[in-house]
Amino acid sequence: MTNECNTSQGTCSEGAQHSAESECCDLPEKLLCLADEAWKEVVKEKIKKEIESSVGAKLDALAKLVAETNHRRWSHLIEGKQKCDEYKQQVKQTLLSLSK
């Protein structure tokens, strides 16, 4: 077995062809790869829990700040678009009044 989890090539140490026998050869390596992925997921979840317990409140405050600022930014953009649309409408009305 290799150290890498790349079984897409379908090779095995006994040199079996692509067949049920080949799948059988790949299965132990595939299972080890699956175990590696599961281990990484468990470690990642534990790291997340550690971060949450040590700085969770500070991250909550940061998340609140970012969310509120994002809301204000979008409100400002929408308000700006409305003002721009009003301006365009006023220009249109002014230009139309010139032709009367």
PDB file of N, CA and C in Angstrom:
ATOM      1  N   MET A   1       0.840  -1.186   0.000  1.00  0.00           N
ATOM      2  CA  MET A   1       0.000   0.000   0.000  1.00  0.00           C
ATOM      3  C   MET A   1       0.877   1.238   0.000  1.00  0.00           C
ATOM      4  N   THR A   2       0.342   2.297  -0.568  1.00  0.00           N
ATOM      5  CA  THR A   2       1.091   3.535  -0.629  1.00  0.00           C
ATOM      6  C   THR A   2       0.723   4.422   0.544  1.00  0.00           C
ATOM      7  N   ASN A   3       1.531   5.457   0.762  1.00  0.00           N
ATOM      8  CA  ASN A   3       1.232   6.420   1.805  1.00  0.00           C
ATOM      9  C   ASN A   3       0.151   7.396   1.380  1.00  0.00           C
ATOM     10  N   GLU A   4      -0.053   7.537   0.068  1.00  0.00           N
ATOM     11  CA  GLU A   4      -1.069   8.451  -0.435  1.00  0.00           C
ATOM     12  C   GLU A   4      -2.396   7.719  -0.598  1.00  0.00           C
ATOM     13  N   CYS A   5      -3.457   8.482  -0.433  1.00  0.00           N
ATOM     14  CA  CYS A   5      -4.797   7.920  -0.593  1.00  0.00           C
ATOM     15  C   CYS A   5      -5.299   8.201  -1.999  1.00  0.00           C
ATOM     16  N   ASN A   6      -4.636   7.616  -2.987  1.00  0.00           N
ATOM     17  CA  ASN A   6      -5.057   7.791  -4.370  1.00  0.00           C
ATOM     18  C   ASN A   6      -5.249   6.412  -4.968  1.00  0.00           C
ATOM     19  N   THR A   7      -6.452   5.903  -4.806  1.00  0.00           N
ATOM     20  CA  THR A   7      -6.730   4.566  -5.328  1.00  0.00           C
ATOM     21  C   THR A   7      -7.462   4.629  -6.655  1.00  0.00           C
ATOM     22  N   SER A   8      -7.537   5.822  -7.250  1.00  0.00           N
ATOM     23  CA  SER A   8      -8.272   5.960  -8.510  1.00  0.00           C
ATOM     24  C   SER A   8      -7.567   5.256  -9.662  1.00  0.00           C
ATOM     25  N   GLN A   9      -6.267   4.977  -9.505  1.00  0.00           N
ATOM     26  CA  GLN A   9      -5.544   4.302 -10.571  1.00  0.00           C
ATOM     27  C   GLN A   9      -5.897   2.818 -10.645  1.00  0.00           C
ATOM     28  N   GLY A  10      -6.429   2.278  -9.581  1.00  0.00           N
ATOM     29  CA  GLY A  10      -6.873   0.892  -9.589  1.00  0.00           C
ATOM     30  C   GLY A  10      -5.742  -0.114  -9.584  1.00  0.00           C
ATOM     31  N   THR A  11      -4.592   0.236  -9.081  1.00  0.00           N
ATOM     32  CA  THR A  11      -3.483  -0.706  -9.042  1.00  0.00           C
ATOM     33  C   THR A  11      -3.394  -1.340  -7.664  1.00  0.00           C
ATOM     34  N   CYS A  12      -2.847  -2.529  -7.620  1.00  0.00           N
ATOM     35  CA  CYS A  12      -2.610  -3.173  -6.333  1.00  0.00           C
ATOM     36  C   CYS A  12      -1.312  -3.962  -6.412  1.00  0.00           C
ATOM     37  N   SER A  13      -0.787  -4.323  -5.271  1.00  0.00           N
ATOM     38  CA  SER A  13       0.551  -4.921  -5.228  1.00  0.00           C
ATOM     39  C   SER A  13       0.634  -6.269  -5.939  1.00  0.00           C
ATOM     40  N   GLU A  14      -0.459  -6.996  -6.011  1.00  0.00           N
ATOM     41  CA  GLU A  14      -0.436  -8.301  -6.680  1.00  0.00           C
ATOM     42  C   GLU A  14      -0.546  -8.174  -8.186  1.00  0.00           C
ATOM     43  N   GLY A  15      -0.780  -6.980  -8.714  1.00  0.00           N
ATOM     44  CA  GLY A  15      -0.864  -6.761 -10.157  1.00  0.00           C
ATOM     45  C   GLY A  15      -2.146  -7.275 -10.774  1.00  0.00           C
ATOM     46  N   ALA A  16      -3.228  -7.324 -10.009  1.00  0.00           N
ATOM     47  CA  ALA A  16      -4.502  -7.811 -10.542  1.00  0.00           C
ATOM     48  C   ALA A  16      -5.064  -6.816 -11.550  1.00  0.00           C
ATOM     49  N   GLN A  17      -5.839  -7.301 -12.500  1.00  0.00           N
ATOM     50  CA  GLN A  17      -6.481  -6.473 -13.509  1.00  0.00           C
ATOM     51  C   GLN A  17      -7.694  -5.783 -12.891  1.00  0.00           C
ATOM     52  N   HIS A  18      -8.260  -4.773 -13.630  1.00  0.00           N
ATOM     53  CA  HIS A  18      -9.505  -4.153 -13.184  1.00  0.00           C
ATOM     54  C   HIS A  18     -10.599  -5.200 -13.229  1.00  0.00           C
ATOM     55  N   SER A  19     -11.027  -5.629 -12.080  1.00  0.00           N
ATOM     56  CA  SER A  19     -12.052  -6.645 -11.974  1.00  0.00           C
ATOM     57  C   SER A  19     -12.504  -6.672 -10.525  1.00  0.00           C
ATOM     58  N   ALA A  20     -13.307  -7.645 -10.204  1.00  0.00           N
ATOM     59  CA  ALA A  20     -13.709  -7.819  -8.807  1.00  0.00           C
ATOM     60  C   ALA A  20     -12.480  -8.068  -7.950  1.00  0.00           C
ATOM     61  N   GLU A  21     -11.490  -8.778  -8.510  1.00  0.00           N
ATOM     62  CA  GLU A  21     -10.252  -9.039  -7.777  1.00  0.00           C
ATOM     63  C   GLU A  21      -9.500  -7.737  -7.519  1.00  0.00           C
ATOM     64  N   SER A  22      -9.486  -6.834  -8.502  1.00  0.00           N
ATOM     65  CA  SER A  22      -8.824  -5.538  -8.353  1.00  0.00           C
ATOM     66  C   SER A  22      -9.511  -4.712  -7.273  1.00  0.00           C
ATOM     67  N   GLU A  23     -10.841  -4.698  -7.300  1.00  0.00           N
ATOM     68  CA  GLU A  23     -11.594  -3.970  -6.275  1.00  0.00           C
ATOM     69  C   GLU A  23     -11.265  -4.517  -4.897  1.00  0.00           C
ATOM     70  N   CYS A  24     -11.126  -5.804  -4.800  1.00  0.00           N
ATOM     71  CA  CYS A  24     -10.796  -6.440  -3.533  1.00  0.00           C
ATOM     72  C   CYS A  24      -9.409  -5.996  -3.074  1.00  0.00           C
ATOM     73  N   CYS A  25      -8.455  -5.872  -4.011  1.00  0.00           N
ATOM     74  CA  CYS A  25      -7.112  -5.407  -3.679  1.00  0.00           C
ATOM     75  C   CYS A  25      -7.149  -3.966  -3.182  1.00  0.00           C
ATOM     76  N   ASP A  26      -7.978  -3.128  -3.805  1.00  0.00           N
ATOM     77  CA  ASP A  26      -8.037  -1.714  -3.451  1.00  0.00           C
ATOM     78  C   ASP A  26      -8.788  -1.460  -2.146  1.00  0.00           C
ATOM     79  N   LEU A  27      -9.668  -2.343  -1.779  1.00  0.00           N
ATOM     80  CA  LEU A  27     -10.531  -2.111  -0.628  1.00  0.00           C
ATOM     81  C   LEU A  27      -9.762  -1.837   0.660  1.00  0.00           C
ATOM     82  N   PRO A  28      -8.747  -2.611   1.024  1.00  0.00           N
ATOM     83  CA  PRO A  28      -8.041  -2.296   2.272  1.00  0.00           C
ATOM     84  C   PRO A  28      -7.425  -0.893   2.263  1.00  0.00           C
ATOM     85  N   GLU A  29      -6.852  -0.482   1.131  1.00  0.00           N
ATOM     86  CA  GLU A  29      -6.275   0.855   1.040  1.00  0.00           C
ATOM     87  C   GLU A  29      -7.365   1.917   1.110  1.00  0.00           C
ATOM     88  N   LYS A  30      -8.485   1.672   0.451  1.00  0.00           N
ATOM     89  CA  LYS A  30      -9.597   2.618   0.491  1.00  0.00           C
ATOM     90  C   LYS A  30     -10.121   2.777   1.919  1.00  0.00           C
ATOM     91  N   LEU A  31     -10.178   1.691   2.648  1.00  0.00           N
ATOM     92  CA  LEU A  31     -10.648   1.760   4.032  1.00  0.00           C
ATOM     93  C   LEU A  31      -9.681   2.557   4.903  1.00  0.00           C
ATOM     94  N   LEU A  32      -8.379   2.393   4.674  1.00  0.00           N
ATOM     95  CA  LEU A  32      -7.401   3.177   5.422  1.00  0.00           C
ATOM     96  C   LEU A  32      -7.517   4.663   5.075  1.00  0.00           C
ATOM     97  N   CYS A  33      -7.770   4.956   3.813  1.00  0.00           N
ATOM     98  CA  CYS A  33      -7.973   6.350   3.406  1.00  0.00           C
ATOM     99  C   CYS A  33      -9.211   6.928   4.090  1.00  0.00           C
ATOM    100  N   LEU A  34     -10.253   6.137   4.148  1.00  0.00           N
ATOM    101  CA  LEU A  34     -11.478   6.566   4.815  1.00  0.00           C
ATOM    102  C   LEU A  34     -11.203   6.835   6.293  1.00  0.00           C
ATOM    103  N   ALA A  35     -10.406   5.978   6.916  1.00  0.00           N
ATOM    104  CA  ALA A  35     -10.041   6.172   8.324  1.00  0.00           C
ATOM    105  C   ALA A  35      -9.234   7.455   8.497  1.00  0.00           C
ATOM    106  N   ASP A  36      -8.326   7.740   7.558  1.00  0.00           N
ATOM    107  CA  ASP A  36      -7.550   8.985   7.625  1.00  0.00           C
ATOM    108  C   ASP A  36      -8.468  10.194   7.555  1.00  0.00           C
ATOM    109  N   GLU A  37      -9.429  10.164   6.656  1.00  0.00           N
ATOM    110  CA  GLU A  37     -10.370  11.271   6.526  1.00  0.00           C
ATOM    111  C   GLU A  37     -11.206  11.436   7.792  1.00  0.00           C
ATOM    112  N   ALA A  38     -11.667  10.328   8.355  1.00  0.00           N
ATOM    113  CA  ALA A  38     -12.455  10.395   9.583  1.00  0.00           C
ATOM    114  C   ALA A  38     -11.622  10.977  10.721  1.00  0.00           C
ATOM    115  N   TRP A  39     -10.355  10.562  10.801  1.00  0.00           N
ATOM    116  CA  TRP A  39      -9.460  11.076  11.840  1.00  0.00           C
ATOM    117  C   TRP A  39      -9.310  12.583  11.696  1.00  0.00           C
ATOM    118  N   LYS A  40      -9.113  13.056  10.469  1.00  0.00           N
ATOM    119  CA  LYS A  40      -8.976  14.495  10.228  1.00  0.00           C
ATOM    120  C   LYS A  40     -10.240  15.245  10.651  1.00  0.00           C
ATOM    121  N   GLU A  41     -11.404  14.670  10.352  1.00  0.00           N
ATOM    122  CA  GLU A  41     -12.664  15.306  10.722  1.00  0.00           C
ATOM    123  C   GLU A  41     -12.808  15.403  12.238  1.00  0.00           C
ATOM    124  N   VAL A  42     -12.443  14.337  12.951  1.00  0.00           N
ATOM    125  CA  VAL A  42     -12.533  14.335  14.415  1.00  0.00           C
ATOM    126  C   VAL A  42     -11.599  15.390  14.993  1.00  0.00           C
ATOM    127  N   VAL A  43     -10.369  15.437  14.497  1.00  0.00           N
ATOM    128  CA  VAL A  43      -9.405  16.425  14.988  1.00  0.00           C
ATOM    129  C   VAL A  43      -9.916  17.833  14.696  1.00  0.00           C
ATOM    130  N   LYS A  44     -10.456  18.045  13.513  1.00  0.00           N
ATOM    131  CA  LYS A  44     -10.984  19.364  13.148  1.00  0.00           C
ATOM    132  C   LYS A  44     -12.112  19.768  14.093  1.00  0.00           C
ATOM    133  N   GLU A  45     -13.017  18.848  14.392  1.00  0.00           N
ATOM    134  CA  GLU A  45     -14.121  19.151  15.308  1.00  0.00           C
ATOM    135  C   GLU A  45     -13.597  19.485  16.701  1.00  0.00           C
ATOM    136  N   LYS A  46     -12.573  18.770  17.155  1.00  0.00           N
ATOM    137  CA  LYS A  46     -11.999  19.041  18.471  1.00  0.00           C
ATOM    138  C   LYS A  46     -11.322  20.411  18.495  1.00  0.00           C
ATOM    139  N   ILE A  47     -10.660  20.767  17.415  1.00  0.00           N
ATOM    140  CA  ILE A  47     -10.032  22.084  17.322  1.00  0.00           C
ATOM    141  C   ILE A  47     -11.109  23.163  17.372  1.00  0.00           C
ATOM    142  N   LYS A  48     -12.202  22.952  16.661  1.00  0.00           N
ATOM    143  CA  LYS A  48     -13.297  23.917  16.665  1.00  0.00           C
ATOM    144  C   LYS A  48     -13.856  24.096  18.078  1.00  0.00           C
ATOM    145  N   LYS A  49     -14.019  22.993  18.803  1.00  0.00           N
ATOM    146  CA  LYS A  49     -14.522  23.070  20.178  1.00  0.00           C
ATOM    147  C   LYS A  49     -13.550  23.837  21.063  1.00  0.00           C
ATOM    148  N   GLU A  50     -12.261  23.609  20.888  1.00  0.00           N
ATOM    149  CA  GLU A  50     -11.249  24.312  21.686  1.00  0.00           C
ATOM    150  C   GLU A  50     -11.277  25.806  21.395  1.00  0.00           C
ATOM    151  N   ILE A  51     -11.372  26.160  20.136  1.00  0.00           N
ATOM    152  CA  ILE A  51     -11.462  27.570  19.764  1.00  0.00           C
ATOM    153  C   ILE A  51     -12.714  28.191  20.370  1.00  0.00           C
ATOM    154  N   GLU A  52     -13.821  27.494  20.258  1.00  0.00           N
ATOM    155  CA  GLU A  52     -15.092  27.990  20.796  1.00  0.00           C
ATOM    156  C   GLU A  52     -14.997  28.212  22.304  1.00  0.00           C
ATOM    157  N   SER A  53     -14.392  27.280  23.034  1.00  0.00           N
ATOM    158  CA  SER A  53     -14.324  27.432  24.491  1.00  0.00           C
ATOM    159  C   SER A  53     -13.338  28.509  24.915  1.00  0.00           C
ATOM    160  N   SER A  54     -12.274  28.710  24.153  1.00  0.00           N
ATOM    161  CA  SER A  54     -11.270  29.687  24.584  1.00  0.00           C
ATOM    162  C   SER A  54     -11.561  31.109  24.120  1.00  0.00           C
ATOM    163  N   VAL A  55     -12.111  31.285  22.930  1.00  0.00           N
ATOM    164  CA  VAL A  55     -12.356  32.643  22.418  1.00  0.00           C
ATOM    165  C   VAL A  55     -13.735  32.798  21.797  1.00  0.00           C
ATOM    166  N   GLY A  56     -14.638  31.910  22.133  1.00  0.00           N
ATOM    167  CA  GLY A  56     -15.970  31.942  21.537  1.00  0.00           C
ATOM    168  C   GLY A  56     -16.702  33.250  21.727  1.00  0.00           C
ATOM    169  N   ALA A  57     -16.640  33.822  22.939  1.00  0.00           N
ATOM    170  CA  ALA A  57     -17.346  35.076  23.211  1.00  0.00           C
ATOM    171  C   ALA A  57     -16.768  36.211  22.369  1.00  0.00           C
ATOM    172  N   LYS A  58     -15.449  36.229  22.219  1.00  0.00           N
ATOM    173  CA  LYS A  58     -14.819  37.260  21.401  1.00  0.00           C
ATOM    174  C   LYS A  58     -15.190  37.080  19.933  1.00  0.00           C
ATOM    175  N   LEU A  59     -15.270  35.828  19.482  1.00  0.00           N
ATOM    176  CA  LEU A  59     -15.689  35.581  18.099  1.00  0.00           C
ATOM    177  C   LEU A  59     -17.152  35.962  17.895  1.00  0.00           C
ATOM    178  N   ASP A  60     -17.983  35.756  18.933  1.00  0.00           N
ATOM    179  CA  ASP A  60     -19.383  36.189  18.849  1.00  0.00           C
ATOM    180  C   ASP A  60     -19.464  37.695  18.659  1.00  0.00           C
ATOM    181  N   ALA A  61     -18.655  38.425  19.427  1.00  0.00           N
ATOM    182  CA  ALA A  61     -18.643  39.888  19.305  1.00  0.00           C
ATOM    183  C   ALA A  61     -18.150  40.310  17.924  1.00  0.00           C
ATOM    184  N   LEU A  62     -17.130  39.629  17.426  1.00  0.00           N
ATOM    185  CA  LEU A  62     -16.618  39.931  16.091  1.00  0.00           C
ATOM    186  C   LEU A  62     -17.678  39.650  15.027  1.00  0.00           C
ATOM    187  N   ALA A  63     -18.345  38.519  15.143  1.00  0.00           N
ATOM    188  CA  ALA A  63     -19.383  38.157  14.179  1.00  0.00           C
ATOM    189  C   ALA A  63     -20.514  39.184  14.196  1.00  0.00           C
ATOM    190  N   LYS A  64     -20.890  39.633  15.389  1.00  0.00           N
ATOM    191  CA  LYS A  64     -21.952  40.645  15.499  1.00  0.00           C
ATOM    192  C   LYS A  64     -21.516  41.945  14.835  1.00  0.00           C
ATOM    193  N   LEU A  65     -20.290  42.376  15.105  1.00  0.00           N
ATOM    194  CA  LEU A  65     -19.767  43.598  14.502  1.00  0.00           C
ATOM    195  C   LEU A  65     -19.769  43.515  12.977  1.00  0.00           C
ATOM    196  N   VAL A  66     -19.287  42.398  12.435  1.00  0.00           N
ATOM    197  CA  VAL A  66     -19.221  42.225  10.981  1.00  0.00           C
ATOM    198  C   VAL A  66     -20.627  42.198  10.383  1.00  0.00           C
ATOM    199  N   ALA A  67     -21.549  41.477  11.026  1.00  0.00           N
ATOM    200  CA  ALA A  67     -22.916  41.393  10.511  1.00  0.00           C
ATOM    201  C   ALA A  67     -23.597  42.762  10.510  1.00  0.00           C
ATOM    202  N   GLU A  68     -23.423  43.522  11.595  1.00  0.00           N
ATOM    203  CA  GLU A  68     -24.045  44.848  11.668  1.00  0.00           C
ATOM    204  C   GLU A  68     -23.443  45.793  10.631  1.00  0.00           C
ATOM    205  N   THR A  69     -22.127  45.742  10.482  1.00  0.00           N
ATOM    206  CA  THR A  69     -21.473  46.599   9.500  1.00  0.00           C
ATOM    207  C   THR A  69     -21.902  46.234   8.091  1.00  0.00           C
ATOM    208  N   ASN A  70     -22.020  44.949   7.815  1.00  0.00           N
ATOM    209  CA  ASN A  70     -22.467  44.492   6.499  1.00  0.00           C
ATOM    210  C   ASN A  70     -23.888  44.994   6.213  1.00  0.00           C
ATOM    211  N   HIS A  71     -24.731  44.931   7.226  1.00  0.00           N
ATOM    212  CA  HIS A  71     -26.107  45.415   7.060  1.00  0.00           C
ATOM    213  C   HIS A  71     -26.115  46.910   6.739  1.00  0.00           C
ATOM    214  N   ARG A  72     -25.317  47.686   7.480  1.00  0.00           N
ATOM    215  CA  ARG A  72     -25.246  49.134   7.222  1.00  0.00           C
ATOM    216  C   ARG A  72     -24.699  49.415   5.818  1.00  0.00           C
ATOM    217  N   ARG A  73     -23.701  48.639   5.420  1.00  0.00           N
ATOM    218  CA  ARG A  73     -23.120  48.834   4.084  1.00  0.00           C
ATOM    219  C   ARG A  73     -24.161  48.589   2.992  1.00  0.00           C
ATOM    220  N   TRP A  74     -24.922  47.474   3.116  1.00  0.00           N
ATOM    221  CA  TRP A  74     -25.941  47.191   2.102  1.00  0.00           C
ATOM    222  C   TRP A  74     -27.059  48.225   2.126  1.00  0.00           C
ATOM    223  N   SER A  75     -27.426  48.668   3.317  1.00  0.00           N
ATOM    224  CA  SER A  75     -28.454  49.718   3.415  1.00  0.00           C
ATOM    225  C   SER A  75     -27.978  50.979   2.709  1.00  0.00           C
ATOM    226  N   HIS A  76     -26.717  51.324   2.919  1.00  0.00           N
ATOM    227  CA  HIS A  76     -26.136  52.501   2.285  1.00  0.00           C
ATOM    228  C   HIS A  76     -26.126  52.343   0.757  1.00  0.00           C
ATOM    229  N   LEU A  77     -25.756  51.149   0.278  1.00  0.00           N
ATOM    230  CA  LEU A  77     -25.738  50.906  -1.169  1.00  0.00           C
ATOM    231  C   LEU A  77     -27.132  51.018  -1.768  1.00  0.00           C
ATOM    232  N   ILE A  78     -28.121  50.452  -1.079  1.00  0.00           N
ATOM    233  CA  ILE A  78     -29.504  50.506  -1.578  1.00  0.00           C
ATOM    234  C   ILE A  78     -30.001  51.944  -1.575  1.00  0.00           C
ATOM    235  N   GLU A  79     -29.707  52.659  -0.487  1.00  0.00           N
ATOM    236  CA  GLU A  79     -30.120  54.061  -0.404  1.00  0.00           C
ATOM    237  C   GLU A  79     -29.449  54.879  -1.513  1.00  0.00           C
ATOM    238  N   GLY A  80     -28.171  54.606  -1.740  1.00  0.00           N
ATOM    239  CA  GLY A  80     -27.455  55.302  -2.805  1.00  0.00           C
ATOM    240  C   GLY A  80     -28.066  55.027  -4.162  1.00  0.00           C
ATOM    241  N   LYS A  81     -28.457  53.770  -4.406  1.00  0.00           N
ATOM    242  CA  LYS A  81     -29.092  53.424  -5.685  1.00  0.00           C
ATOM    243  C   LYS A  81     -30.419  54.147  -5.820  1.00  0.00           C
ATOM    244  N   GLN A  82     -31.180  54.208  -4.736  1.00  0.00           N
ATOM    245  CA  GLN A  82     -32.462  54.910  -4.793  1.00  0.00           C
ATOM    246  C   GLN A  82     -32.252  56.393  -5.114  1.00  0.00           C
ATOM    247  N   LYS A  83     -31.252  57.001  -4.481  1.00  0.00           N
ATOM    248  CA  LYS A  83     -30.958  58.418  -4.748  1.00  0.00           C
ATOM    249  C   LYS A  83     -30.539  58.601  -6.207  1.00  0.00           C
ATOM    250  N   CYS A  84     -29.745  57.683  -6.708  1.00  0.00           N
ATOM    251  CA  CYS A  84     -29.308  57.741  -8.099  1.00  0.00           C
ATOM    252  C   CYS A  84     -30.505  57.600  -9.036  1.00  0.00           C
ATOM    253  N   ASP A  85     -31.407  56.665  -8.732  1.00  0.00           N
ATOM    254  CA  ASP A  85     -32.614  56.482  -9.558  1.00  0.00           C
ATOM    255  C   ASP A  85     -33.486  57.739  -9.532  1.00  0.00           C
ATOM    256  N   GLU A  86     -33.599  58.357  -8.342  1.00  0.00           N
ATOM    257  CA  GLU A  86     -34.376  59.596  -8.239  1.00  0.00           C
ATOM    258  C   GLU A  86     -33.753  60.684  -9.107  1.00  0.00           C
ATOM    259  N   TYR A  87     -32.420  60.792  -9.045  1.00  0.00           N
ATOM    260  CA  TYR A  87     -31.705  61.779  -9.848  1.00  0.00           C
ATOM    261  C   TYR A  87     -31.950  61.541 -11.340  1.00  0.00           C
ATOM    262  N   LYS A  88     -31.847  60.287 -11.776  1.00  0.00           N
ATOM    263  CA  LYS A  88     -32.066  59.957 -13.187  1.00  0.00           C
ATOM    264  C   LYS A  88     -33.482  60.335 -13.615  1.00  0.00           C
ATOM    265  N   GLN A  89     -34.442  60.055 -12.736  1.00  0.00           N
ATOM    266  CA  GLN A  89     -35.833  60.381 -13.035  1.00  0.00           C
ATOM    267  C   GLN A  89     -36.018  61.897 -13.152  1.00  0.00           C
ATOM    268  N   GLN A  90     -35.370  62.655 -12.268  1.00  0.00           N
ATOM    269  CA  GLN A  90     -35.460  64.116 -12.312  1.00  0.00           C
ATOM    270  C   GLN A  90     -34.843  64.655 -13.605  1.00  0.00           C
ATOM    271  N   VAL A  91     -33.695  64.093 -13.987  1.00  0.00           N
ATOM    272  CA  VAL A  91     -33.060  64.516 -15.235  1.00  0.00           C
ATOM    273  C   VAL A  91     -33.974  64.214 -16.420  1.00  0.00           C
ATOM    274  N   LYS A  92     -34.566  63.042 -16.418  1.00  0.00           N
ATOM    275  CA  LYS A  92     -35.481  62.649 -17.488  1.00  0.00           C
ATOM    276  C   LYS A  92     -36.655  63.618 -17.571  1.00  0.00           C
ATOM    277  N   GLN A  93     -37.254  63.920 -16.405  1.00  0.00           N
ATOM    278  CA  GLN A  93     -38.385  64.841 -16.382  1.00  0.00           C
ATOM    279  C   GLN A  93     -37.983  66.234 -16.864  1.00  0.00           C
ATOM    280  N   THR A  94     -36.813  66.676 -16.467  1.00  0.00           N
ATOM    281  CA  THR A  94     -36.318  67.997 -16.898  1.00  0.00           C
ATOM    282  C   THR A  94     -36.113  68.025 -18.389  1.00  0.00           C
ATOM    283  N   LEU A  95     -35.495  66.992 -18.936  1.00  0.00           N
ATOM    284  CA  LEU A  95     -35.260  66.927 -20.385  1.00  0.00           C
ATOM    285  C   LEU A  95     -36.563  66.859 -21.160  1.00  0.00           C
ATOM    286  N   LEU A  96     -37.532  66.101 -20.630  1.00  0.00           N
ATOM    287  CA  LEU A  96     -38.846  66.020 -21.293  1.00  0.00           C
ATOM    288  C   LEU A  96     -39.535  67.371 -21.274  1.00  0.00           C
ATOM    289  N   SER A  97     -39.365  68.122 -20.212  1.00  0.00           N
ATOM    290  CA  SER A  97     -40.027  69.433 -20.118  1.00  0.00           C
ATOM    291  C   SER A  97     -39.435  70.432 -21.109  1.00  0.00           C
ATOM    292  N   LEU A  98     -38.186  70.207 -21.516  1.00  0.00           N
ATOM    293  CA  LEU A  98     -37.560  71.111 -22.500  1.00  0.00           C
ATOM    294  C   LEU A  98     -38.195  70.986 -23.886  1.00  0.00           C
ATOM    295  N   SER A  99     -38.742  69.801 -24.172  1.00  0.00           N
ATOM    296  CA  SER A  99     -39.293  69.576 -25.506  1.00  0.00           C
ATOM    297  C   SER A  99     -40.738  70.014 -25.614  1.00  0.00           C
ATOM    298  N   LYS A 100     -41.323  70.511 -24.558  1.00  0.00           N
ATOM    299  CA  LYS A 100     -42.740  70.930 -24.595  1.00  0.00           C
ATOM    300  C   LYS A 100     -42.888  72.345 -25.008  1.00  0.00           C
TER     301      LYS A 100
END
